[in-house]
Protein backbone atom coordinates (compact mmCIF):
# COMPACT_ATOMS: atom_id res chain seq x y z
CA UNK A 1 -0.69 29.25 -23.49
CA UNK A 2 -2.77 27.89 -20.62
CA UNK A 3 -2.69 24.11 -20.39
CA UNK A 4 -5.92 22.13 -20.19
CA UNK A 5 -4.61 19.38 -17.92
CA UNK A 6 -2.99 18.81 -14.54
CA UNK A 7 0.65 17.79 -14.86
CA UNK A 8 1.93 14.93 -12.71
CA UNK A 9 5.49 13.98 -11.87
CA UNK A 10 6.07 10.33 -11.06
CA UNK A 11 8.67 10.10 -8.30
CA UNK A 12 9.95 6.53 -8.32
CA UNK A 13 9.82 4.59 -11.59
CA UNK A 14 9.52 1.06 -10.19
CA UNK A 15 6.73 -1.47 -10.76
CA UNK A 16 4.06 0.18 -8.64
CA UNK A 17 5.03 3.63 -9.87
CA UNK A 18 4.55 2.62 -13.48
CA UNK A 19 1.07 1.24 -12.76
CA UNK A 20 0.03 4.70 -11.56
CA UNK A 21 1.86 6.39 -14.43
CA UNK A 22 0.13 4.30 -17.09
CA UNK A 23 -3.24 5.02 -15.51
CA UNK A 24 -2.72 8.78 -15.38
CA UNK A 25 -1.28 8.86 -18.88
CA UNK A 26 -4.01 6.80 -20.53
CA UNK A 27 -7.12 6.50 -18.38
CA UNK A 28 -7.51 9.52 -16.09
CA UNK A 29 -9.14 12.46 -17.90
CA UNK A 30 -7.65 15.88 -17.26
CA UNK A 31 -4.31 14.57 -16.06
CA UNK A 32 -1.01 13.84 -17.76
CA UNK A 33 2.38 12.55 -16.69
CA UNK A 34 4.77 15.38 -17.57
CA UNK A 35 7.96 14.07 -15.98
CA UNK A 36 9.63 11.25 -14.10
CA UNK A 37 12.04 11.60 -11.18
CA UNK A 38 14.29 8.70 -10.23
CA UNK A 39 17.95 8.69 -9.12
CA UNK A 40 18.62 5.73 -11.42
CA UNK A 41 18.90 7.30 -14.85
CA UNK A 42 18.24 4.07 -16.72
CA UNK A 43 14.93 3.61 -14.87
CA UNK A 44 13.88 7.21 -15.43
CA UNK A 45 14.76 7.13 -19.13
CA UNK A 46 13.00 3.79 -19.63
CA UNK A 47 9.85 5.11 -17.99
CA UNK A 48 9.87 8.16 -20.22
CA UNK A 49 10.18 6.03 -23.33
CA UNK A 50 7.19 3.92 -22.34
CA UNK A 51 5.11 6.95 -21.37
CA UNK A 52 6.21 8.80 -24.53
CA UNK A 53 7.48 11.86 -22.69
CA UNK A 54 10.90 13.47 -22.71
CA UNK A 55 11.44 15.06 -19.33
CA UNK A 56 13.10 13.22 -16.45
CA UNK A 57 15.05 14.26 -13.38
CA UNK A 58 17.59 12.46 -11.24
CA UNK A 59 16.79 14.81 -8.35
CA UNK A 60 13.11 15.09 -7.37
CA UNK A 61 13.68 18.64 -6.08
CA UNK A 62 14.28 19.82 -9.63
CA UNK A 63 10.99 18.23 -10.68
CA UNK A 64 9.16 20.15 -7.96
CA UNK A 65 10.57 23.42 -9.34
CA UNK A 66 9.01 22.62 -12.73
CA UNK A 67 5.98 24.88 -13.27
CA UNK A 68 4.33 22.17 -15.38
CA UNK A 69 4.10 19.90 -12.31
CA UNK A 70 0.83 20.30 -10.38
CA UNK A 71 0.86 17.01 -8.47
CA UNK A 72 3.17 14.13 -7.62
CA UNK A 73 2.82 10.39 -7.26
CA UNK A 74 5.44 9.26 -4.73
CA UNK A 75 6.51 5.63 -5.06
CA UNK A 76 10.05 5.80 -3.73
CA UNK A 77 11.50 3.58 -0.96
CA UNK A 78 9.68 4.31 2.30
CA UNK A 79 12.67 5.94 4.01
CA UNK A 80 12.43 8.86 1.53
CA UNK A 81 8.66 9.38 1.77
CA UNK A 82 8.70 12.02 4.49
CA UNK A 83 11.42 14.12 2.92
CA UNK A 84 9.82 14.06 -0.54
CA UNK A 85 6.22 14.56 0.62
CA UNK A 86 7.08 17.50 2.89
CA UNK A 87 9.04 19.14 0.08
CA UNK A 88 6.18 18.55 -2.38
CA UNK A 89 3.69 20.10 0.03
CA UNK A 90 5.89 23.18 0.47
CA UNK A 91 5.89 23.53 -3.33
CA UNK A 92 2.08 23.25 -3.23
CA UNK A 93 1.88 20.02 -5.20
CA UNK A 94 -1.01 17.66 -4.54
CA UNK A 95 0.26 14.28 -3.34
CA UNK A 96 -0.65 10.65 -3.98
CA UNK A 97 1.67 8.80 -1.60
CA UNK A 98 2.10 5.04 -1.79
CA UNK A 99 2.05 2.96 1.36
CA UNK A 100 3.70 2.73 3.83
CA UNK A 101 3.19 6.41 4.52
CA UNK A 102 6.54 6.82 6.29
CA UNK A 103 9.05 5.08 8.55
CA UNK A 104 7.48 6.11 11.85
CA UNK A 105 4.60 8.04 13.38
CA UNK A 106 6.67 11.19 13.82
CA UNK A 107 7.36 11.36 10.08
CA UNK A 108 3.69 10.79 9.31
CA UNK A 109 2.76 13.75 11.50
CA UNK A 110 5.39 15.89 9.73
CA UNK A 111 3.79 15.09 6.38
CA UNK A 112 0.28 15.81 7.66
CA UNK A 113 1.35 19.16 9.14
CA UNK A 114 3.08 20.20 5.90
CA UNK A 115 0.00 19.27 3.89
CA UNK A 116 -2.28 21.19 6.26
CA UNK A 117 -0.06 24.28 6.11
CA UNK A 118 0.02 24.29 2.31
CA UNK A 119 -3.59 23.30 1.70
CA UNK A 120 -2.78 20.56 -0.83
CA UNK A 121 -4.43 17.16 -1.16
CA UNK A 122 -2.88 14.04 0.35
CA UNK A 123 -4.10 10.56 -0.50
CA UNK A 124 -2.44 7.39 0.81
CA UNK A 125 -2.16 4.42 -1.56
CA UNK A 126 -4.35 1.81 0.12
CA UNK A 127 -5.84 0.68 -3.18
CA UNK A 128 -7.71 -2.33 -1.75
CA UNK A 129 -10.38 0.06 -0.51
CA UNK A 130 -11.18 0.72 -4.18
CA UNK A 131 -11.48 -2.94 -5.14
CA UNK A 132 -15.07 -3.78 -6.14
CA UNK A 133 -15.32 -6.84 -3.89
CA UNK A 134 -13.84 -5.01 -0.90
CA UNK A 135 -16.33 -2.19 -1.35
CA UNK A 136 -19.21 -4.68 -1.60
CA UNK A 137 -18.00 -6.32 1.63
CA UNK A 138 -17.85 -2.95 3.40
CA UNK A 139 -21.44 -2.21 2.39
CA UNK A 140 -22.56 -5.66 3.56
CA UNK A 141 -20.87 -5.14 6.94
CA UNK A 142 -22.44 -1.70 7.37
CA UNK A 143 -25.85 -3.10 6.40
CA UNK A 144 -25.58 -5.73 9.14
CA UNK A 145 -25.78 -8.65 6.72
CA UNK A 146 -23.50 -10.80 8.92
CA UNK A 147 -24.61 -9.31 12.22
CA UNK A 148 -21.95 -7.67 14.37
CA UNK A 149 -18.35 -8.15 13.28
CA UNK A 150 -16.46 -10.48 15.62
CA UNK A 151 -13.17 -11.20 13.81
CA UNK A 152 -11.34 -9.84 10.77
CA UNK A 153 -8.53 -11.97 9.32
CA UNK A 154 -6.33 -10.87 6.43
CA UNK A 155 -3.33 -12.43 4.73
CA UNK A 156 -0.86 -11.30 2.11
CA UNK A 157 1.86 -13.61 0.83
CA UNK A 158 4.19 -12.54 -1.94
CA UNK A 159 5.99 -14.88 -4.35
CA UNK A 160 9.30 -13.01 -4.61
CA UNK A 161 12.14 -12.88 -2.11
CA UNK A 162 12.89 -9.52 -0.46
CA UNK A 163 15.40 -7.16 -1.98
CA UNK A 164 18.64 -6.97 0.04
CA UNK A 165 17.90 -3.49 1.45
CA UNK A 166 14.75 -4.90 3.08
CA UNK A 167 16.83 -7.22 5.29
CA UNK A 168 17.67 -4.30 7.59
CA UNK A 169 14.50 -3.82 9.64
CA UNK A 170 15.68 -0.37 10.67
CA UNK A 171 15.62 0.72 7.01
CA UNK A 172 12.55 -1.19 5.78
CA UNK A 173 10.41 -1.85 8.87
CA UNK A 174 10.21 -5.42 7.56
CA UNK A 175 7.35 -7.35 5.95
CA UNK A 176 4.80 -5.87 8.35
CA UNK A 177 5.35 -2.57 6.53
CA UNK A 178 6.27 -3.66 3.02
CA UNK A 179 3.76 -6.53 2.72
CA UNK A 180 1.11 -6.18 5.41
CA UNK A 181 0.32 -2.45 5.44
CA UNK A 182 -2.67 -3.24 3.22
CA UNK A 183 -3.87 -5.91 5.67
CA UNK A 184 -3.60 -3.50 8.58
CA UNK A 185 -5.66 -0.91 6.73
CA UNK A 186 -8.25 -3.50 5.71
CA UNK A 187 -8.70 -4.60 9.31
CA UNK A 188 -9.16 -1.02 10.49
CA UNK A 189 -11.63 -0.35 7.67
CA UNK A 190 -13.80 -3.41 8.20
CA UNK A 191 -13.74 -3.27 12.01
CA UNK A 192 -14.58 0.43 12.12
CA UNK A 193 -12.25 0.90 15.05
CA UNK A 194 -8.63 1.37 16.12
CA UNK A 195 -6.29 -1.26 17.57
CA UNK A 196 -6.17 -1.53 21.35
CA UNK A 197 -3.22 -3.95 21.51
CA UNK A 198 -1.23 -6.34 19.30
CA UNK A 199 0.99 -9.38 19.71
CA UNK A 200 3.22 -10.52 16.85
CA UNK A 201 5.57 -13.45 16.25
CA UNK A 202 7.86 -13.90 13.27
CA UNK A 203 10.75 -15.85 11.79
CA UNK A 204 13.12 -16.14 8.84
CA UNK A 205 12.36 -19.37 6.98
CA UNK A 206 13.48 -18.66 3.40
CA UNK A 207 16.11 -15.92 3.39
CA UNK A 208 18.99 -17.80 4.97
CA UNK A 209 21.58 -15.50 3.39
CA UNK A 210 20.30 -12.67 5.63
CA UNK A 211 20.55 -14.52 8.93
CA UNK A 212 24.17 -13.74 9.82
CA UNK A 213 24.21 -10.00 9.14
CA UNK A 214 20.52 -9.35 9.90
CA UNK A 215 19.40 -11.79 12.62
CA UNK A 216 16.26 -9.72 13.28
CA UNK A 217 14.94 -10.05 9.73
CA UNK A 218 11.78 -12.11 9.27
CA UNK A 219 10.02 -13.29 6.11
CA UNK A 220 6.99 -14.75 7.90
CA UNK A 221 4.85 -12.96 10.47
CA UNK A 222 1.62 -13.44 12.37
CA UNK A 223 0.06 -10.46 14.13
CA UNK A 224 -2.98 -10.86 16.36
CA UNK A 225 -4.77 -8.19 18.32
CA UNK A 226 -7.96 -6.60 19.51
CA UNK A 227 -9.74 -3.40 18.52
CA UNK A 228 -11.18 -0.89 20.95
CA UNK A 229 -14.71 -1.92 19.97
CA UNK A 230 -13.97 -5.56 20.83
CA UNK A 231 -13.41 -6.91 17.30
CA UNK A 232 -10.60 -9.46 17.11
CA UNK A 233 -7.82 -9.16 14.52
CA UNK A 234 -5.43 -11.54 12.78
CA UNK A 235 -2.83 -10.92 10.07
CA UNK A 236 -0.69 -13.47 8.22
CA UNK A 237 2.20 -12.17 6.11
CA UNK A 238 4.96 -13.85 4.12
CA UNK A 239 7.59 -13.10 1.48
CA UNK A 240 9.21 -15.48 -0.98
CA UNK A 241 6.45 -18.10 -0.88
CA UNK A 242 7.06 -18.96 -4.53
CA UNK A 243 3.64 -20.38 -5.36
CA UNK A 244 2.05 -17.06 -6.34
CA UNK A 245 0.52 -13.86 -4.97
CA UNK A 246 -2.02 -14.60 -2.25
CA UNK A 247 -4.29 -11.94 -0.72
CA UNK A 248 -7.47 -12.92 1.12
CA UNK A 249 -9.75 -11.58 3.85
CA UNK A 250 -12.31 -13.24 6.10
CA UNK A 251 -14.84 -11.22 8.10
CA UNK A 252 -16.66 -13.26 10.71
CA UNK A 253 -19.84 -11.88 12.23
CA UNK A 254 -22.36 -13.02 14.81
CA UNK A 255 -24.72 -14.12 12.01
CA UNK A 256 -22.50 -14.95 9.05
CA UNK A 257 -19.17 -14.62 7.29
CA UNK A 258 -17.70 -12.81 4.28
CA UNK A 259 -14.82 -14.22 2.23
CA UNK A 260 -12.76 -11.93 0.01
CA UNK A 261 -10.04 -12.70 -2.49
CA UNK A 262 -9.32 -15.30 -5.10
CA UNK A 263 -6.20 -17.32 -5.82
CA UNK A 264 -7.18 -18.16 -9.41
CA UNK A 265 -5.58 -16.40 -12.37
CA UNK A 266 -8.71 -17.25 -14.38
CA UNK A 267 -11.69 -19.59 -14.24
CA UNK A 268 -10.11 -22.26 -16.44
CA UNK A 269 -9.63 -25.72 -14.89
CA UNK A 270 -7.73 -28.41 -16.80
CA UNK A 271 -8.28 -32.10 -16.07
CA UNK A 272 -6.52 -35.04 -17.79
CA UNK A 273 -6.29 -38.83 -17.63
CA UNK A 274 -4.22 -38.72 -14.46
CA UNK A 275 -7.29 -37.52 -12.62
CA UNK A 276 -5.55 -34.33 -11.54
CA UNK A 277 -7.04 -30.89 -11.94
CA UNK A 278 -4.82 -27.90 -12.71
CA UNK A 279 -5.75 -24.28 -12.07
CA UNK A 280 -3.45 -21.30 -12.62
CA UNK A 281 -2.54 -19.41 -9.43
CA UNK A 282 -2.31 -15.61 -9.51
CA UNK A 283 1.33 -14.66 -9.93
CA UNK A 284 1.33 -10.92 -9.19
CA UNK A 285 -0.48 -8.28 -7.15
CA UNK A 286 -0.51 -6.21 -10.34
CA UNK A 287 -3.06 -8.61 -11.86
CA UNK A 288 -5.23 -9.05 -8.78
CA UNK A 289 -5.77 -5.34 -8.04
CA UNK A 290 -5.40 -3.80 -11.50
CA UNK A 291 -8.88 -2.24 -11.48
CA UNK A 292 -8.45 -1.04 -7.89
CA UNK A 293 -5.32 0.92 -8.84
CA UNK A 294 -7.21 2.69 -11.62
CA UNK A 295 -10.16 3.56 -9.35
CA UNK A 296 -7.71 4.83 -6.74
CA UNK A 297 -6.07 7.13 -9.29
CA UNK A 298 -9.44 8.31 -10.58
CA UNK A 299 -10.47 9.15 -7.01
CA UNK A 300 -7.32 11.21 -6.48
CA UNK A 301 -8.02 13.10 -9.70
CA UNK A 302 -11.61 13.77 -8.62
CA UNK A 303 -10.47 15.09 -5.25
CA UNK A 304 -7.97 17.46 -6.88
CA UNK A 305 -10.35 18.74 -9.54
CA UNK A 306 -13.42 19.07 -7.31
CA UNK A 307 -11.65 20.06 -4.07
CA UNK A 308 -12.80 16.99 -2.15
CA UNK A 309 -11.13 15.24 0.77
CA UNK A 310 -9.67 11.85 -0.24
CA UNK A 311 -11.35 8.85 1.37
CA UNK A 312 -7.92 7.51 2.40
CA UNK A 313 -6.17 10.21 4.39
CA UNK A 314 -2.97 10.82 6.30
CA UNK A 315 -4.69 9.55 9.44
CA UNK A 316 -5.14 6.15 7.78
CA UNK A 317 -1.47 6.12 6.82
CA UNK A 318 -0.42 7.18 10.32
CA UNK A 319 -2.47 4.48 12.06
CA UNK A 320 -1.07 1.74 9.81
CA UNK A 321 2.48 2.88 10.57
CA UNK A 322 1.71 2.85 14.31
CA UNK A 323 0.60 -0.79 14.04
CA UNK A 324 3.76 -1.70 12.11
CA UNK A 325 5.88 -0.11 14.83
CA UNK A 326 3.91 -1.84 17.58
CA UNK A 327 4.14 -5.18 15.78
CA UNK A 328 7.89 -4.94 15.31
CA UNK A 329 8.30 -3.99 18.97
CA UNK A 330 6.19 -6.99 19.95
CA UNK A 331 8.37 -9.30 17.85
CA UNK A 332 11.59 -7.89 19.32
CA UNK A 333 10.47 -7.89 22.95
CA UNK A 334 8.17 -10.96 22.80
CA UNK A 335 5.26 -9.23 24.50
CA UNK A 336 1.85 -7.69 23.95
CA UNK A 337 2.11 -4.03 22.94
CA UNK A 338 -0.69 -1.62 23.74
CA UNK A 339 -1.36 1.25 21.35
CA UNK A 340 -1.24 4.82 22.57
CA UNK A 341 -4.49 6.76 22.45
C-alpha cells in the first residue's frame, strides 16, 4: 500500500533532535517520524516511546537502508556530520542538517558535492533566520529603514557548562562552532556580505578542570572583523554563564539602529517592600526560539514537497565553518586572519 506521508529518520536523539522530531511528528503536515537512530540505545528507545513509534537503530546506516525513510534530520555530534550526510545523500534521502555543518571547509564541500550528485535537498539548521523578529529586522534593513548598515553585533551566552568532549578543540571546534555558529550566520545575513578578515581573542574562565589537559580550550570568546562591503562585525560568545540563555543582536545603521532579542522569560515583573524588582530570565534556547524551529521544519517540508531550494543552503553552512576555522586560528596565533576568496 502506498503511504501518504514522507518518512523521516531522526539521527541523534538529543535535546535539539527531539525538538525537530516533535515538530515533524505533530505539526508538519505530510511528514512523520518513522525511526530514530542513535548509538546509545537508551536514548533511542526513550525517543521512540515519546514519539509513539517502535523502530530504532543503533547504526544510522541501517536506518538509511529502510525503504520507509525518505528524509533524515541529522543532529549528531559535529564530527559525524560529514560521514552521515554524505551517506544519506548517496541513499537519496533529503537532509535537514543541524549546525555546525561539519568540522572543516573540506567536509562541507564533500557534503555539497554528494548532495549535488544525488539531487536531494540540503537545508542547514540556522533557525534564527525563521524567527519572526529576525525576519522583520531583515526586511527593515533591506527597506533602508536605518540607512546603510555600519555594524552588526551578536552575542550568544549559554547557561550550562560544556560537555567534556567539547574541551578538545580539535574534536569540537570550541564555542565558536558549538555556540556562535548562529551569530556568524546572523552577521552574514544582515550584512549581506562575506567576511574579509577576523580577529578573535578567548579564554577559559569557568572550566578550570579542563585547563591542565586542554590548555587551548576557551569558554569565552570575542570575534571582531570586517565584511567585504565595509560593514563591521562583532561576536560575543560564552558557555557556563549560569544566569540564563542570552541571545541578542544589534544592527547599527547610518540613520538608526535595530535591537533584537529579549532576556525575559515573560512580561511579569514582581516588586515587593524591599523596593527590588524581579523578572524571570530565559533559561533555555528551546524556549526563546521554539517558533523558529517549527517554521524551519515547515520550510524544509515545503522544499521537499514542492521541489524548492531551501533558503539556508550548504553555502551558508560552509561560510560559517570557514569563519569558525579562521577565528580559532586567530586565537591560536594571536593575529588577524584574512578569509580566502
